[in-house]
């Protein structure tokens, strides 16, 4: 069984036992997380599509890790003008292990 959930402005296709990296969520490692914004459920041949969400469906999991992703360099440059700006950014993320998909 799989589900499509929306969190952090993005949509993810998840299955039970999968580790999912999403935008930063509040909570400590080991805390329970529930995604109630389920857009679609599927199990082989049957598919339920929500309008906009599937009623009564939720995806439950727990937080495995809170961390920062790799650094992304932002470099601005204008030729012949002696203009250079260098900036780094590390996006915060939360790794969630999916425990169950409740229809």
PDB file of N, CA and C in Angstrom:
ATOM      1  N   UNK A   1       0.845  -1.179   0.000  1.00  0.00           N
ATOM      2  CA  UNK A   1       0.000   0.000   0.000  1.00  0.00           C
ATOM      3  C   UNK A   1       0.889   1.241   0.000  1.00  0.00           C
ATOM      4  N   UNK A   2       0.457   2.259  -0.729  1.00  0.00           N
ATOM      5  CA  UNK A   2       1.211   3.501  -0.777  1.00  0.00           C
ATOM      6  C   UNK A   2       0.247   4.672  -0.640  1.00  0.00           C
ATOM      7  N   UNK A   3       0.824   5.828  -0.343  1.00  0.00           N
ATOM      8  CA  UNK A   3       0.030   7.043  -0.194  1.00  0.00           C
ATOM      9  C   UNK A   3       0.835   8.219  -0.727  1.00  0.00           C
ATOM     10  N   UNK A   4       0.126   9.271  -1.118  1.00  0.00           N
ATOM     11  CA  UNK A   4       0.756  10.528  -1.512  1.00  0.00           C
ATOM     12  C   UNK A   4       0.344  11.566  -0.479  1.00  0.00           C
ATOM     13  N   UNK A   5       1.349  12.104   0.240  1.00  0.00           N
ATOM     14  CA  UNK A   5       1.079  13.083   1.289  1.00  0.00           C
ATOM     15  C   UNK A   5       1.698  14.417   0.901  1.00  0.00           C
ATOM     16  N   UNK A   6       1.129  15.496   1.439  1.00  0.00           N
ATOM     17  CA  UNK A   6       1.653  16.843   1.200  1.00  0.00           C
ATOM     18  C   UNK A   6       2.141  17.411   2.518  1.00  0.00           C
ATOM     19  N   UNK A   7       3.391  17.853   2.543  1.00  0.00           N
ATOM     20  CA  UNK A   7       3.961  18.506   3.713  1.00  0.00           C
ATOM     21  C   UNK A   7       5.097  19.411   3.264  1.00  0.00           C
ATOM     22  N   UNK A   8       5.206  20.559   3.892  1.00  0.00           N
ATOM     23  CA  UNK A   8       6.277  21.494   3.567  1.00  0.00           C
ATOM     24  C   UNK A   8       6.187  22.048   2.161  1.00  0.00           C
ATOM     25  N   UNK A   9       4.975  22.107   1.586  1.00  0.00           N
ATOM     26  CA  UNK A   9       4.811  22.640   0.251  1.00  0.00           C
ATOM     27  C   UNK A   9       5.177  21.673  -0.857  1.00  0.00           C
ATOM     28  N   UNK A  10       5.450  20.402  -0.519  1.00  0.00           N
ATOM     29  CA  UNK A  10       5.820  19.405  -1.516  1.00  0.00           C
ATOM     30  C   UNK A  10       4.938  18.172  -1.337  1.00  0.00           C
ATOM     31  N   UNK A  11       4.912  17.313  -2.338  1.00  0.00           N
ATOM     32  CA  UNK A  11       4.157  16.073  -2.281  1.00  0.00           C
ATOM     33  C   UNK A  11       5.120  14.902  -2.351  1.00  0.00           C
ATOM     34  N   UNK A  12       4.863  13.869  -1.530  1.00  0.00           N
ATOM     35  CA  UNK A  12       5.735  12.711  -1.460  1.00  0.00           C
ATOM     36  C   UNK A  12       4.918  11.434  -1.590  1.00  0.00           C
ATOM     37  N   UNK A  13       5.446  10.456  -2.319  1.00  0.00           N
ATOM     38  CA  UNK A  13       4.836   9.130  -2.394  1.00  0.00           C
ATOM     39  C   UNK A  13       5.548   8.271  -1.360  1.00  0.00           C
ATOM     40  N   UNK A  14       4.787   7.721  -0.412  1.00  0.00           N
ATOM     41  CA  UNK A  14       5.386   6.978   0.697  1.00  0.00           C
ATOM     42  C   UNK A  14       4.805   5.574   0.780  1.00  0.00           C
ATOM     43  N   UNK A  15       5.605   4.665   1.335  1.00  0.00           N
ATOM     44  CA  UNK A  15       5.189   3.307   1.628  1.00  0.00           C
ATOM     45  C   UNK A  15       5.625   2.985   3.049  1.00  0.00           C
ATOM     46  N   UNK A  16       5.052   1.938   3.622  1.00  0.00           N
ATOM     47  CA  UNK A  16       5.379   1.533   4.988  1.00  0.00           C
ATOM     48  C   UNK A  16       6.836   1.070   5.054  1.00  0.00           C
ATOM     49  N   UNK A  17       7.565   1.510   6.091  1.00  0.00           N
ATOM     50  CA  UNK A  17       8.956   1.136   6.286  1.00  0.00           C
ATOM     51  C   UNK A  17       9.954   2.051   5.601  1.00  0.00           C
ATOM     52  N   UNK A  18       9.499   3.001   4.821  1.00  0.00           N
ATOM     53  CA  UNK A  18      10.362   3.903   4.078  1.00  0.00           C
ATOM     54  C   UNK A  18      10.827   5.056   4.967  1.00  0.00           C
ATOM     55  N   UNK A  19      12.051   5.543   4.738  1.00  0.00           N
ATOM     56  CA  UNK A  19      12.551   6.729   5.437  1.00  0.00           C
ATOM     57  C   UNK A  19      12.438   7.912   4.479  1.00  0.00           C
ATOM     58  N   UNK A  20      11.749   8.950   4.946  1.00  0.00           N
ATOM     59  CA  UNK A  20      11.406  10.100   4.121  1.00  0.00           C
ATOM     60  C   UNK A  20      12.075  11.342   4.692  1.00  0.00           C
ATOM     61  N   UNK A  21      12.752  12.131   3.830  1.00  0.00           N
ATOM     62  CA  UNK A  21      13.359  13.388   4.263  1.00  0.00           C
ATOM     63  C   UNK A  21      12.473  14.536   3.831  1.00  0.00           C
ATOM     64  N   UNK A  22      11.898  15.249   4.817  1.00  0.00           N
ATOM     65  CA  UNK A  22      10.975  16.346   4.549  1.00  0.00           C
ATOM     66  C   UNK A  22      11.538  17.631   5.136  1.00  0.00           C
ATOM     67  N   UNK A  23      10.867  18.742   4.835  1.00  0.00           N
ATOM     68  CA  UNK A  23      11.237  20.020   5.437  1.00  0.00           C
ATOM     69  C   UNK A  23      11.153  19.906   6.957  1.00  0.00           C
ATOM     70  N   UNK A  24      11.892  20.736   7.668  1.00  0.00           N
ATOM     71  CA  UNK A  24      12.006  20.662   9.127  1.00  0.00           C
ATOM     72  C   UNK A  24      10.647  20.634   9.821  1.00  0.00           C
ATOM     73  N   UNK A  25      10.465  19.630  10.680  1.00  0.00           N
ATOM     74  CA  UNK A  25       9.279  19.501  11.525  1.00  0.00           C
ATOM     75  C   UNK A  25       9.709  19.665  12.977  1.00  0.00           C
ATOM     76  N   UNK A  26       8.817  20.189  13.811  1.00  0.00           N
ATOM     77  CA  UNK A  26       9.140  20.319  15.223  1.00  0.00           C
ATOM     78  C   UNK A  26       9.014  18.967  15.895  1.00  0.00           C
ATOM     79  N   UNK A  27       9.894  18.706  16.855  1.00  0.00           N
ATOM     80  CA  UNK A  27       9.866  17.451  17.589  1.00  0.00           C
ATOM     81  C   UNK A  27      11.263  16.884  17.734  1.00  0.00           C
ATOM     82  N   UNK A  28      11.420  16.044  18.756  1.00  0.00           N
ATOM     83  CA  UNK A  28      12.701  15.397  19.021  1.00  0.00           C
ATOM     84  C   UNK A  28      12.763  14.046  18.308  1.00  0.00           C
ATOM     85  N   UNK A  29      13.957  13.460  18.287  1.00  0.00           N
ATOM     86  CA  UNK A  29      14.138  12.134  17.698  1.00  0.00           C
ATOM     87  C   UNK A  29      13.315  11.128  18.499  1.00  0.00           C
ATOM     88  N   UNK A  30      12.542  10.314  17.800  1.00  0.00           N
ATOM     89  CA  UNK A  30      11.673   9.335  18.445  1.00  0.00           C
ATOM     90  C   UNK A  30      10.236   9.799  18.605  1.00  0.00           C
ATOM     91  N   UNK A  31       9.962  11.072  18.370  1.00  0.00           N
ATOM     92  CA  UNK A  31       8.606  11.604  18.523  1.00  0.00           C
ATOM     93  C   UNK A  31       7.715  11.116  17.384  1.00  0.00           C
ATOM     94  N   UNK A  32       6.446  10.918  17.699  1.00  0.00           N
ATOM     95  CA  UNK A  32       5.472  10.469  16.706  1.00  0.00           C
ATOM     96  C   UNK A  32       5.069  11.635  15.795  1.00  0.00           C
ATOM     97  N   UNK A  33       4.852  11.325  14.509  1.00  0.00           N
ATOM     98  CA  UNK A  33       4.445  12.318  13.525  1.00  0.00           C
ATOM     99  C   UNK A  33       3.269  11.729  12.746  1.00  0.00           C
ATOM    100  N   UNK A  34       2.248  12.557  12.509  1.00  0.00           N
ATOM    101  CA  UNK A  34       1.100  12.118  11.713  1.00  0.00           C
ATOM    102  C   UNK A  34       0.891  13.105  10.566  1.00  0.00           C
ATOM    103  N   UNK A  35       0.782  12.570   9.353  1.00  0.00           N
ATOM    104  CA  UNK A  35       0.491  13.374   8.173  1.00  0.00           C
ATOM    105  C   UNK A  35      -0.984  13.161   7.846  1.00  0.00           C
ATOM    106  N   UNK A  36      -1.803  14.190   8.060  1.00  0.00           N
ATOM    107  CA  UNK A  36      -3.237  14.080   7.821  1.00  0.00           C
ATOM    108  C   UNK A  36      -3.640  14.566   6.429  1.00  0.00           C
ATOM    109  N   UNK A  37      -2.741  15.227   5.743  1.00  0.00           N
ATOM    110  CA  UNK A  37      -3.030  15.774   4.416  1.00  0.00           C
ATOM    111  C   UNK A  37      -2.668  14.722   3.365  1.00  0.00           C
ATOM    112  N   UNK A  38      -3.490  13.651   3.277  1.00  0.00           N
ATOM    113  CA  UNK A  38      -3.255  12.544   2.348  1.00  0.00           C
ATOM    114  C   UNK A  38      -4.037  12.824   1.064  1.00  0.00           C
ATOM    115  N   UNK A  39      -3.334  12.922  -0.054  1.00  0.00           N
ATOM    116  CA  UNK A  39      -3.952  13.266  -1.327  1.00  0.00           C
ATOM    117  C   UNK A  39      -4.433  12.041  -2.103  1.00  0.00           C
ATOM    118  N   UNK A  40      -3.770  10.891  -1.898  1.00  0.00           N
ATOM    119  CA  UNK A  40      -4.117   9.707  -2.659  1.00  0.00           C
ATOM    120  C   UNK A  40      -3.700   8.454  -1.916  1.00  0.00           C
ATOM    121  N   UNK A  41      -4.475   7.384  -2.025  1.00  0.00           N
ATOM    122  CA  UNK A  41      -4.151   6.079  -1.468  1.00  0.00           C
ATOM    123  C   UNK A  41      -4.217   5.050  -2.589  1.00  0.00           C
ATOM    124  N   UNK A  42      -3.311   4.093  -2.569  1.00  0.00           N
ATOM    125  CA  UNK A  42      -3.325   3.051  -3.593  1.00  0.00           C
ATOM    126  C   UNK A  42      -2.808   1.741  -3.027  1.00  0.00           C
ATOM    127  N   UNK A  43      -3.429   0.632  -3.480  1.00  0.00           N
ATOM    128  CA  UNK A  43      -2.945  -0.696  -3.079  1.00  0.00           C
ATOM    129  C   UNK A  43      -3.151  -1.655  -4.254  1.00  0.00           C
ATOM    130  N   UNK A  44      -2.200  -1.652  -5.158  1.00  0.00           N
ATOM    131  CA  UNK A  44      -2.305  -2.540  -6.305  1.00  0.00           C
ATOM    132  C   UNK A  44      -3.285  -2.031  -7.340  1.00  0.00           C
ATOM    133  N   UNK A  45      -4.518  -2.589  -7.342  1.00  0.00           N
ATOM    134  CA  UNK A  45      -5.484  -2.216  -8.365  1.00  0.00           C
ATOM    135  C   UNK A  45      -6.438  -1.112  -7.933  1.00  0.00           C
ATOM    136  N   UNK A  46      -6.698  -0.954  -6.636  1.00  0.00           N
ATOM    137  CA  UNK A  46      -7.642   0.064  -6.162  1.00  0.00           C
ATOM    138  C   UNK A  46      -6.902   1.350  -5.798  1.00  0.00           C
ATOM    139  N   UNK A  47      -7.418   2.475  -6.289  1.00  0.00           N
ATOM    140  CA  UNK A  47      -6.817   3.784  -6.014  1.00  0.00           C
ATOM    141  C   UNK A  47      -7.921   4.717  -5.536  1.00  0.00           C
ATOM    142  N   UNK A  48      -7.666   5.392  -4.410  1.00  0.00           N
ATOM    143  CA  UNK A  48      -8.602   6.402  -3.907  1.00  0.00           C
ATOM    144  C   UNK A  48      -7.937   7.765  -4.014  1.00  0.00           C
ATOM    145  N   UNK A  49      -8.592   8.671  -4.718  1.00  0.00           N
ATOM    146  CA  UNK A  49      -8.054  10.014  -4.917  1.00  0.00           C
ATOM    147  C   UNK A  49      -8.928  10.985  -4.153  1.00  0.00           C
ATOM    148  N   UNK A  50      -8.313  11.841  -3.352  1.00  0.00           N
ATOM    149  CA  UNK A  50      -9.043  12.809  -2.559  1.00  0.00           C
ATOM    150  C   UNK A  50      -9.361  14.067  -3.339  1.00  0.00           C
ATOM    151  N   UNK A  51     -10.369  14.800  -2.844  1.00  0.00           N
ATOM    152  CA  UNK A  51     -10.750  16.054  -3.482  1.00  0.00           C
ATOM    153  C   UNK A  51     -10.933  17.129  -2.439  1.00  0.00           C
ATOM    154  N   UNK A  52      -9.933  17.778  -1.895  1.00  0.00           N
ATOM    155  CA  UNK A  52      -8.519  17.617  -2.218  1.00  0.00           C
ATOM    156  C   UNK A  52      -7.823  16.543  -1.385  1.00  0.00           C
ATOM    157  N   UNK A  53      -8.404  16.117  -0.240  1.00  0.00           N
ATOM    158  CA  UNK A  53      -7.766  15.085   0.591  1.00  0.00           C
ATOM    159  C   UNK A  53      -8.708  13.902   0.749  1.00  0.00           C
ATOM    160  N   UNK A  54      -8.109  12.735   1.063  1.00  0.00           N
ATOM    161  CA  UNK A  54      -8.888  11.528   1.310  1.00  0.00           C
ATOM    162  C   UNK A  54      -9.421  11.608   2.742  1.00  0.00           C
ATOM    163  N   UNK A  55     -10.741  11.493   2.895  1.00  0.00           N
ATOM    164  CA  UNK A  55     -11.369  11.608   4.210  1.00  0.00           C
ATOM    165  C   UNK A  55     -10.986  10.423   5.102  1.00  0.00           C
ATOM    166  N   UNK A  56     -10.576  10.716   6.332  1.00  0.00           N
ATOM    167  CA  UNK A  56     -10.272   9.684   7.315  1.00  0.00           C
ATOM    168  C   UNK A  56      -8.937   8.989   7.126  1.00  0.00           C
ATOM    169  N   UNK A  57      -8.138   9.401   6.183  1.00  0.00           N
ATOM    170  CA  UNK A  57      -6.842   8.758   5.936  1.00  0.00           C
ATOM    171  C   UNK A  57      -5.735   9.527   6.642  1.00  0.00           C
ATOM    172  N   UNK A  58      -4.759   8.788   7.145  1.00  0.00           N
ATOM    173  CA  UNK A  58      -3.596   9.419   7.761  1.00  0.00           C
ATOM    174  C   UNK A  58      -2.394   8.498   7.615  1.00  0.00           C
ATOM    175  N   UNK A  59      -1.217   9.101   7.669  1.00  0.00           N
ATOM    176  CA  UNK A  59       0.044   8.370   7.601  1.00  0.00           C
ATOM    177  C   UNK A  59       0.790   8.663   8.886  1.00  0.00           C
ATOM    178  N   UNK A  60       1.200   7.604   9.600  1.00  0.00           N
ATOM    179  CA  UNK A  60       1.882   7.773  10.876  1.00  0.00           C
ATOM    180  C   UNK A  60       3.322   7.296  10.767  1.00  0.00           C
ATOM    181  N   UNK A  61       4.189   7.991  11.512  1.00  0.00           N
ATOM    182  CA  UNK A  61       5.597   7.641  11.523  1.00  0.00           C
ATOM    183  C   UNK A  61       6.264   8.225  12.747  1.00  0.00           C
ATOM    184  N   UNK A  62       7.591   8.044  12.825  1.00  0.00           N
ATOM    185  CA  UNK A  62       8.338   8.652  13.915  1.00  0.00           C
ATOM    186  C   UNK A  62       9.624   9.261  13.369  1.00  0.00           C
ATOM    187  N   UNK A  63      10.111  10.275  14.091  1.00  0.00           N
ATOM    188  CA  UNK A  63      11.291  11.025  13.654  1.00  0.00           C
ATOM    189  C   UNK A  63      12.545  10.200  13.930  1.00  0.00           C
ATOM    190  N   UNK A  64      13.352  10.039  12.883  1.00  0.00           N
ATOM    191  CA  UNK A  64      14.596   9.277  12.990  1.00  0.00           C
ATOM    192  C   UNK A  64      15.787  10.217  13.173  1.00  0.00           C
ATOM    193  N   UNK A  65      15.742  11.388  12.502  1.00  0.00           N
ATOM    194  CA  UNK A  65      16.894  12.294  12.520  1.00  0.00           C
ATOM    195  C   UNK A  65      16.448  13.718  12.247  1.00  0.00           C
ATOM    196  N   UNK A  66      17.101  14.667  12.906  1.00  0.00           N
ATOM    197  CA  UNK A  66      16.973  16.093  12.599  1.00  0.00           C
ATOM    198  C   UNK A  66      18.345  16.541  12.124  1.00  0.00           C
ATOM    199  N   UNK A  67      18.425  17.161  10.976  1.00  0.00           N
ATOM    200  CA  UNK A  67      19.755  17.522  10.492  1.00  0.00           C
ATOM    201  C   UNK A  67      19.740  18.631   9.461  1.00  0.00           C
ATOM    202  N   UNK A  68      20.942  18.847   8.885  1.00  0.00           N
ATOM    203  CA  UNK A  68      21.123  19.829   7.824  1.00  0.00           C
ATOM    204  C   UNK A  68      21.656  19.101   6.601  1.00  0.00           C
ATOM    205  N   UNK A  69      21.181  19.494   5.420  1.00  0.00           N
ATOM    206  CA  UNK A  69      21.667  18.880   4.196  1.00  0.00           C
ATOM    207  C   UNK A  69      22.999  19.509   3.790  1.00  0.00           C
ATOM    208  N   UNK A  70      23.551  19.060   2.670  1.00  0.00           N
ATOM    209  CA  UNK A  70      24.836  19.572   2.213  1.00  0.00           C
ATOM    210  C   UNK A  70      24.742  21.051   1.862  1.00  0.00           C
ATOM    211  N   UNK A  71      25.881  21.720   1.935  1.00  0.00           N
ATOM    212  CA  UNK A  71      25.918  23.150   1.669  1.00  0.00           C
ATOM    213  C   UNK A  71      25.759  23.438   0.180  1.00  0.00           C
ATOM    214  N   UNK A  72      24.946  24.447  -0.105  1.00  0.00           N
ATOM    215  CA  UNK A  72      24.751  24.938  -1.472  1.00  0.00           C
ATOM    216  C   UNK A  72      25.378  26.324  -1.531  1.00  0.00           C
ATOM    217  N   UNK A  73      26.263  26.540  -2.500  1.00  0.00           N
ATOM    218  CA  UNK A  73      26.907  27.837  -2.647  1.00  0.00           C
ATOM    219  C   UNK A  73      26.119  28.702  -3.619  1.00  0.00           C
ATOM    220  N   UNK A  74      25.876  29.941  -3.200  1.00  0.00           N
ATOM    221  CA  UNK A  74      25.214  30.927  -4.052  1.00  0.00           C
ATOM    222  C   UNK A  74      26.276  31.960  -4.403  1.00  0.00           C
ATOM    223  N   UNK A  75      26.607  32.068  -5.686  1.00  0.00           N
ATOM    224  CA  UNK A  75      27.674  32.967  -6.122  1.00  0.00           C
ATOM    225  C   UNK A  75      27.125  33.928  -7.166  1.00  0.00           C
ATOM    226  N   UNK A  76      27.142  35.215  -6.837  1.00  0.00           N
ATOM    227  CA  UNK A  76      26.690  36.246  -7.765  1.00  0.00           C
ATOM    228  C   UNK A  76      27.930  36.934  -8.331  1.00  0.00           C
ATOM    229  N   UNK A  77      27.890  37.253  -9.625  1.00  0.00           N
ATOM    230  CA  UNK A  77      29.057  37.784 -10.301  1.00  0.00           C
ATOM    231  C   UNK A  77      28.623  38.659 -11.460  1.00  0.00           C
ATOM    232  N   UNK A  78      29.238  39.821 -11.571  1.00  0.00           N
ATOM    233  CA  UNK A  78      29.034  40.675 -12.742  1.00  0.00           C
ATOM    234  C   UNK A  78      30.410  40.963 -13.330  1.00  0.00           C
ATOM    235  N   UNK A  79      30.573  40.604 -14.573  1.00  0.00           N
ATOM    236  CA  UNK A  79      31.876  40.766 -15.207  1.00  0.00           C
ATOM    237  C   UNK A  79      32.242  42.237 -15.376  1.00  0.00           C
ATOM    238  N   UNK A  80      33.519  42.513 -15.275  1.00  0.00           N
ATOM    239  CA  UNK A  80      34.100  43.850 -15.475  1.00  0.00           C
ATOM    240  C   UNK A  80      33.631  44.894 -14.470  1.00  0.00           C
ATOM    241  N   UNK A  81      32.926  44.518 -13.427  1.00  0.00           N
ATOM    242  CA  UNK A  81      32.418  45.489 -12.466  1.00  0.00           C
ATOM    243  C   UNK A  81      32.960  45.267 -11.053  1.00  0.00           C
ATOM    244  N   UNK A  82      33.844  44.315 -10.897  1.00  0.00           N
ATOM    245  CA  UNK A  82      34.413  43.966  -9.587  1.00  0.00           C
ATOM    246  C   UNK A  82      33.327  43.623  -8.569  1.00  0.00           C
ATOM    247  N   UNK A  83      32.284  42.952  -9.028  1.00  0.00           N
ATOM    248  CA  UNK A  83      31.163  42.591  -8.147  1.00  0.00           C
ATOM    249  C   UNK A  83      31.130  41.078  -7.983  1.00  0.00           C
ATOM    250  N   UNK A  84      31.360  40.618  -6.747  1.00  0.00           N
ATOM    251  CA  UNK A  84      31.292  39.200  -6.423  1.00  0.00           C
ATOM    252  C   UNK A  84      30.665  39.049  -5.043  1.00  0.00           C
ATOM    253  N   UNK A  85      29.701  38.151  -4.914  1.00  0.00           N
ATOM    254  CA  UNK A  85      29.084  37.852  -3.616  1.00  0.00           C
ATOM    255  C   UNK A  85      28.989  36.343  -3.476  1.00  0.00           C
ATOM    256  N   UNK A  86      29.487  35.839  -2.380  1.00  0.00           N
ATOM    257  CA  UNK A  86      29.464  34.402  -2.137  1.00  0.00           C
ATOM    258  C   UNK A  86      28.694  34.151  -0.846  1.00  0.00           C
ATOM    259  N   UNK A  87      27.732  33.250  -0.916  1.00  0.00           N
ATOM    260  CA  UNK A  87      26.906  32.953   0.241  1.00  0.00           C
ATOM    261  C   UNK A  87      26.634  31.453   0.253  1.00  0.00           C
ATOM    262  N   UNK A  88      26.589  30.861   1.436  1.00  0.00           N
ATOM    263  CA  UNK A  88      26.281  29.447   1.570  1.00  0.00           C
ATOM    264  C   UNK A  88      24.945  29.253   2.254  1.00  0.00           C
ATOM    265  N   UNK A  89      24.327  28.103   1.983  1.00  0.00           N
ATOM    266  CA  UNK A  89      23.035  27.788   2.607  1.00  0.00           C
ATOM    267  C   UNK A  89      22.959  26.297   2.883  1.00  0.00           C
ATOM    268  N   UNK A  90      22.513  25.940   4.090  1.00  0.00           N
ATOM    269  CA  UNK A  90      22.282  24.535   4.448  1.00  0.00           C
ATOM    270  C   UNK A  90      20.828  24.411   4.888  1.00  0.00           C
ATOM    271  N   UNK A  91      20.037  23.650   4.157  1.00  0.00           N
ATOM    272  CA  UNK A  91      18.620  23.490   4.430  1.00  0.00           C
ATOM    273  C   UNK A  91      18.415  22.488   5.567  1.00  0.00           C
ATOM    274  N   UNK A  92      17.542  22.838   6.514  1.00  0.00           N
ATOM    275  CA  UNK A  92      17.203  21.944   7.611  1.00  0.00           C
ATOM    276  C   UNK A  92      16.206  20.898   7.122  1.00  0.00           C
ATOM    277  N   UNK A  93      16.363  19.653   7.617  1.00  0.00           N
ATOM    278  CA  UNK A  93      15.438  18.603   7.232  1.00  0.00           C
ATOM    279  C   UNK A  93      15.125  17.715   8.427  1.00  0.00           C
ATOM    280  N   UNK A  94      14.078  16.930   8.288  1.00  0.00           N
ATOM    281  CA  UNK A  94      13.683  15.938   9.276  1.00  0.00           C
ATOM    282  C   UNK A  94      13.519  14.607   8.549  1.00  0.00           C
ATOM    283  N   UNK A  95      14.178  13.558   9.041  1.00  0.00           N
ATOM    284  CA  UNK A  95      14.026  12.227   8.461  1.00  0.00           C
ATOM    285  C   UNK A  95      12.958  11.496   9.266  1.00  0.00           C
ATOM    286  N   UNK A  96      11.912  11.019   8.580  1.00  0.00           N
ATOM    287  CA  UNK A  96      10.777  10.353   9.214  1.00  0.00           C
ATOM    288  C   UNK A  96      10.667   8.942   8.675  1.00  0.00           C
ATOM    289  N   UNK A  97      10.565   7.942   9.569  1.00  0.00           N
ATOM    290  CA  UNK A  97      10.329   6.565   9.162  1.00  0.00           C
ATOM    291  C   UNK A  97       8.835   6.322   9.196  1.00  0.00           C
ATOM    292  N   UNK A  98       8.258   5.857   8.093  1.00  0.00           N
ATOM    293  CA  UNK A  98       6.826   5.635   7.972  1.00  0.00           C
ATOM    294  C   UNK A  98       6.475   4.300   8.641  1.00  0.00           C
ATOM    295  N   UNK A  99       5.594   4.368   9.660  1.00  0.00           N
ATOM    296  CA  UNK A  99       5.190   3.165  10.390  1.00  0.00           C
ATOM    297  C   UNK A  99       3.912   2.547   9.824  1.00  0.00           C
ATOM    298  N   UNK A 100       2.908   3.359   9.538  1.00  0.00           N
ATOM    299  CA  UNK A 100       1.653   2.794   9.056  1.00  0.00           C
ATOM    300  C   UNK A 100       0.905   3.789   8.179  1.00  0.00           C
ATOM    301  N   UNK A 101       0.106   3.230   7.280  1.00  0.00           N
ATOM    302  CA  UNK A 101      -0.784   4.012   6.430  1.00  0.00           C
ATOM    303  C   UNK A 101      -2.208   3.576   6.772  1.00  0.00           C
ATOM    304  N   UNK A 102      -2.980   4.483   7.379  1.00  0.00           N
ATOM    305  CA  UNK A 102      -4.343   4.164   7.809  1.00  0.00           C
ATOM    306  C   UNK A 102      -5.323   4.741   6.804  1.00  0.00           C
ATOM    307  N   UNK A 103      -6.186   3.853   6.281  1.00  0.00           N
ATOM    308  CA  UNK A 103      -7.171   4.311   5.307  1.00  0.00           C
ATOM    309  C   UNK A 103      -8.423   4.682   6.071  1.00  0.00           C
TER     310      UNK A 103
END
